[in-house]
C-alpha atoms as a PDB file:
ATOM      1  CA  UNK A   1      80.324   1.001  -2.520  1.00  0.00           C
ATOM      2  CA  UNK A   2      82.270   3.916  -1.864  1.00  0.00           C
ATOM      3  CA  UNK A   3      84.885   4.193   1.045  1.00  0.00           C
ATOM      4  CA  UNK A   4      83.141   6.075   4.327  1.00  0.00           C
ATOM      5  CA  UNK A   5      86.221   8.066   4.608  1.00  0.00           C
ATOM      6  CA  UNK A   6      84.979  10.014   1.658  1.00  0.00           C
ATOM      7  CA  UNK A   7      82.047  11.336   3.822  1.00  0.00           C
ATOM      8  CA  UNK A   8      83.697  13.933   6.117  1.00  0.00           C
ATOM      9  CA  UNK A   9      81.825  17.111   6.049  1.00  0.00           C
ATOM     10  CA  UNK A  10      77.940  16.705   4.935  1.00  0.00           C
ATOM     11  CA  UNK A  11      76.655  20.065   4.645  1.00  0.00           C
ATOM     12  CA  UNK A  12      73.083  19.811   2.975  1.00  0.00           C
ATOM     13  CA  UNK A  13      70.782  17.067   2.383  1.00  0.00           C
ATOM     14  CA  UNK A  14      67.665  16.684   0.017  1.00  0.00           C
ATOM     15  CA  UNK A  15      65.433  13.712  -0.385  1.00  0.00           C
ATOM     16  CA  UNK A  16      63.943  12.713  -3.702  1.00  0.00           C
ATOM     17  CA  UNK A  17      60.395  11.550  -3.086  1.00  0.00           C
ATOM     18  CA  UNK A  18      59.907   9.841  -6.462  1.00  0.00           C
ATOM     19  CA  UNK A  19      63.096   7.697  -6.571  1.00  0.00           C
ATOM     20  CA  UNK A  20      63.559   7.388  -2.880  1.00  0.00           C
ATOM     21  CA  UNK A  21      66.790   8.856  -2.987  1.00  0.00           C
ATOM     22  CA  UNK A  22      69.088  10.952  -0.609  1.00  0.00           C
ATOM     23  CA  UNK A  23      71.362  13.529  -1.922  1.00  0.00           C
ATOM     24  CA  UNK A  24      73.985  15.461  -0.107  1.00  0.00           C
ATOM     25  CA  UNK A  25      76.797  17.726  -0.381  1.00  0.00           C
ATOM     26  CA  UNK A  26      80.087  17.379   0.998  1.00  0.00           C
ATOM     27  CA  UNK A  27      82.491  19.999   1.879  1.00  0.00           C
ATOM     28  CA  UNK A  28      85.428  17.835   2.996  1.00  0.00           C
ATOM     29  CA  UNK A  29      88.881  17.103   1.447  1.00  0.00           C
ATOM     30  CA  UNK A  30      86.641  15.887  -1.656  1.00  0.00           C
ATOM     31  CA  UNK A  31      83.998  18.358  -2.887  1.00  0.00           C
ATOM     32  CA  UNK A  32      81.072  16.264  -3.990  1.00  0.00           C
ATOM     33  CA  UNK A  33      77.419  15.679  -4.627  1.00  0.00           C
ATOM     34  CA  UNK A  34      76.503  12.217  -4.117  1.00  0.00           C
ATOM     35  CA  UNK A  35      73.096  10.298  -3.920  1.00  0.00           C
ATOM     36  CA  UNK A  36      71.973   7.050  -2.258  1.00  0.00           C
ATOM     37  CA  UNK A  37      69.214   4.972  -1.774  1.00  0.00           C
ATOM     38  CA  UNK A  38      67.034   5.488   1.300  1.00  0.00           C
ATOM     39  CA  UNK A  39      66.532   2.169   2.028  1.00  0.00           C
ATOM     40  CA  UNK A  40      70.117   0.769   1.491  1.00  0.00           C
ATOM     41  CA  UNK A  41      72.322   3.765   1.642  1.00  0.00           C
ATOM     42  CA  UNK A  42      75.567   1.953   2.348  1.00  0.00           C
ATOM     43  CA  UNK A  43      75.251  -0.461  -0.483  1.00  0.00           C
ATOM     44  CA  UNK A  44      74.088   2.301  -3.370  1.00  0.00           C
ATOM     45  CA  UNK A  45      76.208   5.375  -2.430  1.00  0.00           C
ATOM     46  CA  UNK A  46      77.394   7.037  -5.696  1.00  0.00           C
ATOM     47  CA  UNK A  47      79.405  10.363  -6.342  1.00  0.00           C
ATOM     48  CA  UNK A  48      77.643  12.295  -8.956  1.00  0.00           C
ATOM     49  CA  UNK A  49      79.814  15.271  -9.140  1.00  0.00           C
ATOM     50  CA  UNK A  50      83.313  16.056  -7.926  1.00  0.00           C
ATOM     51  CA  UNK A  51      85.657  19.070  -8.076  1.00  0.00           C
ATOM     52  CA  UNK A  52      85.179  22.597  -9.325  1.00  0.00           C
ATOM     53  CA  UNK A  53      83.429  23.654  -6.142  1.00  0.00           C
ATOM     54  CA  UNK A  54      84.934  25.946  -3.158  1.00  0.00           C
ATOM     55  CA  UNK A  55      82.325  25.076  -0.291  1.00  0.00           C
ATOM     56  CA  UNK A  56      79.100  23.189  -1.444  1.00  0.00           C
ATOM     57  CA  UNK A  57      76.544  23.687   1.044  1.00  0.00           C
ATOM     58  CA  UNK A  58      72.781  23.791   0.559  1.00  0.00           C
ATOM     59  CA  UNK A  59      70.929  21.325  -1.736  1.00  0.00           C
ATOM     60  CA  UNK A  60      67.325  20.825  -3.234  1.00  0.00           C
ATOM     61  CA  UNK A  61      66.125  18.405  -5.682  1.00  0.00           C
ATOM     62  CA  UNK A  62      62.904  18.759  -8.014  1.00  0.00           C
ATOM     63  CA  UNK A  63      62.452  15.335  -9.089  1.00  0.00           C
ATOM     64  CA  UNK A  64      59.430  16.070 -11.005  1.00  0.00           C
ATOM     65  CA  UNK A  65      61.637  18.146 -13.545  1.00  0.00           C
ATOM     66  CA  UNK A  66      64.736  16.113 -12.952  1.00  0.00           C
ATOM     67  CA  UNK A  67      67.008  18.661 -11.617  1.00  0.00           C
ATOM     68  CA  UNK A  68      69.094  19.425  -8.774  1.00  0.00           C
ATOM     69  CA  UNK A  69      70.282  22.628  -7.424  1.00  0.00           C
ATOM     70  CA  UNK A  70      73.177  23.667  -4.609  1.00  0.00           C
ATOM     71  CA  UNK A  71      74.865  26.423  -3.209  1.00  0.00           C
ATOM     72  CA  UNK A  72      78.728  27.039  -3.374  1.00  0.00           C
ATOM     73  CA  UNK A  73      80.044  29.715  -1.413  1.00  0.00           C
ATOM     74  CA  UNK A  74      83.417  31.301  -1.340  1.00  0.00           C
ATOM     75  CA  UNK A  75      85.766  33.037   1.320  1.00  0.00           C
ATOM     76  CA  UNK A  76      87.305  35.703  -0.975  1.00  0.00           C
ATOM     77  CA  UNK A  77      85.476  38.940   0.212  1.00  0.00           C
ATOM     78  CA  UNK A  78      87.178  40.871  -2.659  1.00  0.00           C
ATOM     79  CA  UNK A  79      85.323  39.407  -5.514  1.00  0.00           C
ATOM     80  CA  UNK A  80      81.528  39.179  -4.999  1.00  0.00           C
ATOM     81  CA  UNK A  81      80.971  37.162  -8.039  1.00  0.00           C
ATOM     82  CA  UNK A  82      82.596  33.839  -6.960  1.00  0.00           C
ATOM     83  CA  UNK A  83      79.807  32.458  -4.979  1.00  0.00           C
ATOM     84  CA  UNK A  84      76.976  30.833  -6.988  1.00  0.00           C
ATOM     85  CA  UNK A  85      74.295  28.485  -7.499  1.00  0.00           C
ATOM     86  CA  UNK A  86      74.956  25.431  -9.898  1.00  0.00           C
ATOM     87  CA  UNK A  87      72.285  22.884 -11.327  1.00  0.00           C
ATOM     88  CA  UNK A  88      72.455  19.566 -12.998  1.00  0.00           C
ATOM     89  CA  UNK A  89      70.285  16.959 -13.722  1.00  0.00           C
ATOM     90  CA  UNK A  90      69.802  14.505 -10.862  1.00  0.00           C
ATOM     91  CA  UNK A  91      71.875  11.811 -12.495  1.00  0.00           C
ATOM     92  CA  UNK A  92      74.902  14.494 -12.603  1.00  0.00           C
ATOM     93  CA  UNK A  93      74.768  15.318 -15.931  1.00  0.00           C
ATOM     94  CA  UNK A  94      74.572  18.808 -17.649  1.00  0.00           C
ATOM     95  CA  UNK A  95      76.208  20.630 -14.711  1.00  0.00           C
ATOM     96  CA  UNK A  96      76.222  24.397 -15.202  1.00  0.00           C
ATOM     97  CA  UNK A  97      76.161  27.333 -13.353  1.00  0.00           C
ATOM     98  CA  UNK A  98      72.557  29.080 -12.619  1.00  0.00           C
ATOM     99  CA  UNK A  99      73.425  32.003 -10.697  1.00  0.00           C
ATOM    100  CA  UNK A 100      76.653  33.938  -9.806  1.00  0.00           C
ATOM    101  CA  UNK A 101      76.772  37.375  -9.834  1.00  0.00           C
ATOM    102  CA  UNK A 102      76.691  39.524  -6.676  1.00  0.00           C
ATOM    103  CA  UNK A 103      76.709  36.228  -4.575  1.00  0.00           C
ATOM    104  CA  UNK A 104      79.410  35.415  -1.989  1.00  0.00           C
ATOM    105  CA  UNK A 105      78.168  33.561   0.883  1.00  0.00           C
ATOM    106  CA  UNK A 106      75.003  31.542  -0.345  1.00  0.00           C
ATOM    107  CA  UNK A 107      73.791  29.223   2.165  1.00  0.00           C
ATOM    108  CA  UNK A 108      70.167  27.767   2.404  1.00  0.00           C
ATOM    109  CA  UNK A 109      68.016  27.349  -0.691  1.00  0.00           C
ATOM    110  CA  UNK A 110      64.486  26.212  -1.129  1.00  0.00           C
ATOM    111  CA  UNK A 111      61.985  25.608  -3.799  1.00  0.00           C
ATOM    112  CA  UNK A 112      58.545  26.752  -4.617  1.00  0.00           C
ATOM    113  CA  UNK A 113      57.191  23.763  -6.726  1.00  0.00           C
ATOM    114  CA  UNK A 114      54.061  25.183  -7.769  1.00  0.00           C
ATOM    115  CA  UNK A 115      55.574  28.622  -8.728  1.00  0.00           C
ATOM    116  CA  UNK A 116      58.825  27.111 -10.170  1.00  0.00           C
ATOM    117  CA  UNK A 117      60.750  29.928  -8.200  1.00  0.00           C
ATOM    118  CA  UNK A 118      63.927  29.099  -6.400  1.00  0.00           C
ATOM    119  CA  UNK A 119      64.841  30.957  -3.018  1.00  0.00           C
ATOM    120  CA  UNK A 120      68.044  31.402  -1.271  1.00  0.00           C
ATOM    121  CA  UNK A 121      69.868  33.396   1.440  1.00  0.00           C
ATOM    122  CA  UNK A 122      72.997  34.981   1.537  1.00  0.00           C
ATOM    123  CA  UNK A 123      74.752  35.543   4.780  1.00  0.00           C
ATOM    124  CA  UNK A 124      77.525  38.171   3.207  1.00  0.00           C
ATOM    125  CA  UNK A 125      74.858  40.464   1.823  1.00  0.00           C
ATOM    126  CA  UNK A 126      72.198  39.375   4.391  1.00  0.00           C
ATOM    127  CA  UNK A 127      69.333  39.043   2.166  1.00  0.00           C
ATOM    128  CA  UNK A 128      66.895  36.757   0.627  1.00  0.00           C
ATOM    129  CA  UNK A 129      66.680  36.223  -3.087  1.00  0.00           C
ATOM    130  CA  UNK A 130      64.321  34.522  -5.615  1.00  0.00           C
ATOM    131  CA  UNK A 131      64.848  33.570  -9.396  1.00  0.00           C
ATOM    132  CA  UNK A 132      62.069  31.896 -11.840  1.00  0.00           C
ATOM    133  CA  UNK A 133      63.611  28.222 -12.574  1.00  0.00           C
ATOM    134  CA  UNK A 134      63.799  29.422 -16.081  1.00  0.00           C
ATOM    135  CA  UNK A 135      66.538  31.871 -15.085  1.00  0.00           C
ATOM    136  CA  UNK A 136      64.269  35.230 -15.066  1.00  0.00           C
ATOM    137  CA  UNK A 137      63.290  37.767 -12.652  1.00  0.00           C
ATOM    138  CA  UNK A 138      65.950  37.624 -10.199  1.00  0.00           C
ATOM    139  CA  UNK A 139      65.343  39.918  -7.042  1.00  0.00           C
ATOM    140  CA  UNK A 140      65.657  40.591  -3.315  1.00  0.00           C
ATOM    141  CA  UNK A 141      62.556  39.589  -1.450  1.00  0.00           C
ATOM    142  CA  UNK A 142      63.772  40.731   1.946  1.00  0.00           C
ATOM    143  CA  UNK A 143      66.894  42.356   3.152  1.00  0.00           C
ATOM    144  CA  UNK A 144      65.791  43.655   6.757  1.00  0.00           C
ATOM    145  CA  UNK A 145      67.769  44.189   9.978  1.00  0.00           C
ATOM    146  CA  UNK A 146      66.255  40.541  11.303  1.00  0.00           C
ATOM    147  CA  UNK A 147      68.967  39.274   8.759  1.00  0.00           C
ATOM    148  CA  UNK A 148      72.214  38.951  10.624  1.00  0.00           C
ATOM    149  CA  UNK A 149      73.440  35.459   9.449  1.00  0.00           C
ATOM    150  CA  UNK A 150      70.595  33.584   7.489  1.00  0.00           C
ATOM    151  CA  UNK A 151      71.653  30.000   7.107  1.00  0.00           C
ATOM    152  CA  UNK A 152      68.706  27.236   6.695  1.00  0.00           C
ATOM    153  CA  UNK A 153      65.937  28.287   4.534  1.00  0.00           C
ATOM    154  CA  UNK A 154      62.323  26.679   3.559  1.00  0.00           C
ATOM    155  CA  UNK A 155      59.287  27.822   1.867  1.00  0.00           C
ATOM    156  CA  UNK A 156      55.844  26.658   2.637  1.00  0.00           C
ATOM    157  CA  UNK A 157      52.619  28.404   1.250  1.00  0.00           C
ATOM    158  CA  UNK A 158      53.009  32.049   1.268  1.00  0.00           C
ATOM    159  CA  UNK A 159      55.961  31.960   3.618  1.00  0.00           C
ATOM    160  CA  UNK A 160      59.644  31.671   3.773  1.00  0.00           C
ATOM    161  CA  UNK A 161      61.249  30.459   7.012  1.00  0.00           C
ATOM    162  CA  UNK A 162      65.030  30.800   7.891  1.00  0.00           C
ATOM    163  CA  UNK A 163      67.581  30.346  10.446  1.00  0.00           C
ATOM    164  CA  UNK A 164      69.832  32.864  11.994  1.00  0.00           C
ATOM    165  CA  UNK A 165      73.246  31.189  12.381  1.00  0.00           C
ATOM    166  CA  UNK A 166      74.514  33.969  14.745  1.00  0.00           C
ATOM    167  CA  UNK A 167      71.725  34.734  17.080  1.00  0.00           C
ATOM    168  CA  UNK A 168      69.741  31.155  17.116  1.00  0.00           C
ATOM    169  CA  UNK A 169      66.635  32.627  15.896  1.00  0.00           C
ATOM    170  CA  UNK A 170      63.989  31.284  13.494  1.00  0.00           C
ATOM    171  CA  UNK A 171      62.152  33.711  11.618  1.00  0.00           C
ATOM    172  CA  UNK A 172      58.981  33.691   9.463  1.00  0.00           C
ATOM    173  CA  UNK A 173      58.455  35.967   6.340  1.00  0.00           C
ATOM    174  CA  UNK A 174      55.060  36.596   4.875  1.00  0.00           C
ATOM    175  CA  UNK A 175      55.693  36.998   1.051  1.00  0.00           C
ATOM    176  CA  UNK A 176      52.553  38.721   0.460  1.00  0.00           C
ATOM    177  CA  UNK A 177      52.770  41.623   3.265  1.00  0.00           C
ATOM    178  CA  UNK A 178      56.687  41.239   3.821  1.00  0.00           C
ATOM    179  CA  UNK A 179      56.062  40.962   7.388  1.00  0.00           C
ATOM    180  CA  UNK A 180      58.618  39.375   9.641  1.00  0.00           C
ATOM    181  CA  UNK A 181      57.651  37.151  12.668  1.00  0.00           C
ATOM    182  CA  UNK A 182      60.274  35.863  15.203  1.00  0.00           C
ATOM    183  CA  UNK A 183      59.041  32.337  15.765  1.00  0.00           C
ATOM    184  CA  UNK A 184      61.745  31.183  18.367  1.00  0.00           C
ATOM    185  CA  UNK A 185      64.842  31.931  19.891  1.00  0.00           C
ATOM    186  CA  UNK A 186      67.548  28.716  20.675  1.00  0.00           C
ATOM    187  CA  UNK A 187      70.991  28.725  21.454  1.00  0.00           C
ATOM    188  CA  UNK A 188      73.346  29.516  18.444  1.00  0.00           C
ATOM    189  CA  UNK A 189      74.513  28.544  16.127  1.00  0.00           C
ATOM    190  CA  UNK A 190      71.331  27.112  14.265  1.00  0.00           C
ATOM    191  CA  UNK A 191      71.976  25.370  10.734  1.00  0.00           C
ATOM    192  CA  UNK A 192      69.643  23.887   8.607  1.00  0.00           C
ATOM    193  CA  UNK A 193      65.663  24.131   8.532  1.00  0.00           C
ATOM    194  CA  UNK A 194      63.342  21.729   6.764  1.00  0.00           C
ATOM    195  CA  UNK A 195      59.525  21.903   6.482  1.00  0.00           C
ATOM    196  CA  UNK A 196      57.535  18.831   5.444  1.00  0.00           C
ATOM    197  CA  UNK A 197      54.211  18.771   3.837  1.00  0.00           C
ATOM    198  CA  UNK A 198      52.925  15.801   1.708  1.00  0.00           C
ATOM    199  CA  UNK A 199      51.190  18.399  -0.678  1.00  0.00           C
ATOM    200  CA  UNK A 200      54.515  19.897  -1.783  1.00  0.00           C
ATOM    201  CA  UNK A 201      55.497  16.251  -3.189  1.00  0.00           C
ATOM    202  CA  UNK A 202      54.046  16.301  -6.629  1.00  0.00           C
ATOM    203  CA  UNK A 203      53.748  12.873  -8.841  1.00  0.00           C
ATOM    204  CA  UNK A 204      55.683  12.020 -11.652  1.00  0.00           C
ATOM    205  CA  UNK A 205      54.075  10.826 -14.877  1.00  0.00           C
ATOM    206  CA  UNK A 206      57.284  10.129 -16.574  1.00  0.00           C
ATOM    207  CA  UNK A 207      59.199   6.806 -16.553  1.00  0.00           C
ATOM    208  CA  UNK A 208      62.126   6.524 -14.240  1.00  0.00           C
ATOM    209  CA  UNK A 209      66.250   5.879 -15.137  1.00  0.00           C
ATOM    210  CA  UNK A 210      68.341   3.373 -13.620  1.00  0.00           C
ATOM    211  CA  UNK A 211      71.516   5.454 -12.775  1.00  0.00           C
ATOM    212  CA  UNK A 212      73.784   2.732 -11.315  1.00  0.00           C
ATOM    213  CA  UNK A 213      72.455  -0.425  -9.615  1.00  0.00           C
ATOM    214  CA  UNK A 214      69.522   0.259  -7.608  1.00  0.00           C
ATOM    215  CA  UNK A 215      69.730   4.127  -7.877  1.00  0.00           C
ATOM    216  CA  UNK A 216      66.647   5.477 -10.015  1.00  0.00           C
ATOM    217  CA  UNK A 217      65.983   9.194 -11.025  1.00  0.00           C
ATOM    218  CA  UNK A 218      63.573  11.056 -13.231  1.00  0.00           C
ATOM    219  CA  UNK A 219      64.342  11.038 -17.042  1.00  0.00           C
ATOM    220  CA  UNK A 220      62.425  12.540 -19.778  1.00  0.00           C
ATOM    221  CA  UNK A 221      62.115  12.214 -23.671  1.00  0.00           C
ATOM    222  CA  UNK A 222      63.440  15.869 -23.762  1.00  0.00           C
ATOM    223  CA  UNK A 223      64.607  18.260 -21.266  1.00  0.00           C
ATOM    224  CA  UNK A 224      64.883  22.010 -21.302  1.00  0.00           C
ATOM    225  CA  UNK A 225      68.219  23.759 -20.432  1.00  0.00           C
END
């Protein structure tokens, strides 16, 4: 079991509904990606990745395909290619940079599991982007005046929802019409946003793999990079 003082600034969390694991990013003294069992988190904590990160923040997992994705933002406003989205297998192996050009403050990210699309928001450029999980067709899906400092992001159906850190608002973007609706105004700042729907939680037909002790993640006979 890892000492609790290693957990000093959790930024993002994600649930693996197949393996019953909790993943999180830690932007503290140690920049880490970690995992633990939902039932016995204190006894099963494991650091999967450490270092070579500036400010890890949002994280999502794709347990059906075995990948996790996370954002890493950078304070340097001179170089707009230092922010990035990375990915790795959910056991921490095969770490690689997924997106990095024209990116500085990537915050929340979310997956459309059925369309195999990753969405994220950048609070420096104040826009929402998307890319297919095979790395193709990256594009800005919205960059309107409602985006002041987007932070949390979540996809559901034909909609994207986001929180605005600065003004404390929650917005809805219709991906078909591109219409934006203000859903709620709260006291700022607002941080993460999650939408739960059991229909988003696809089942797995592959076997599971024991990473360490009781931590179990998806594994495959072959994986595409």
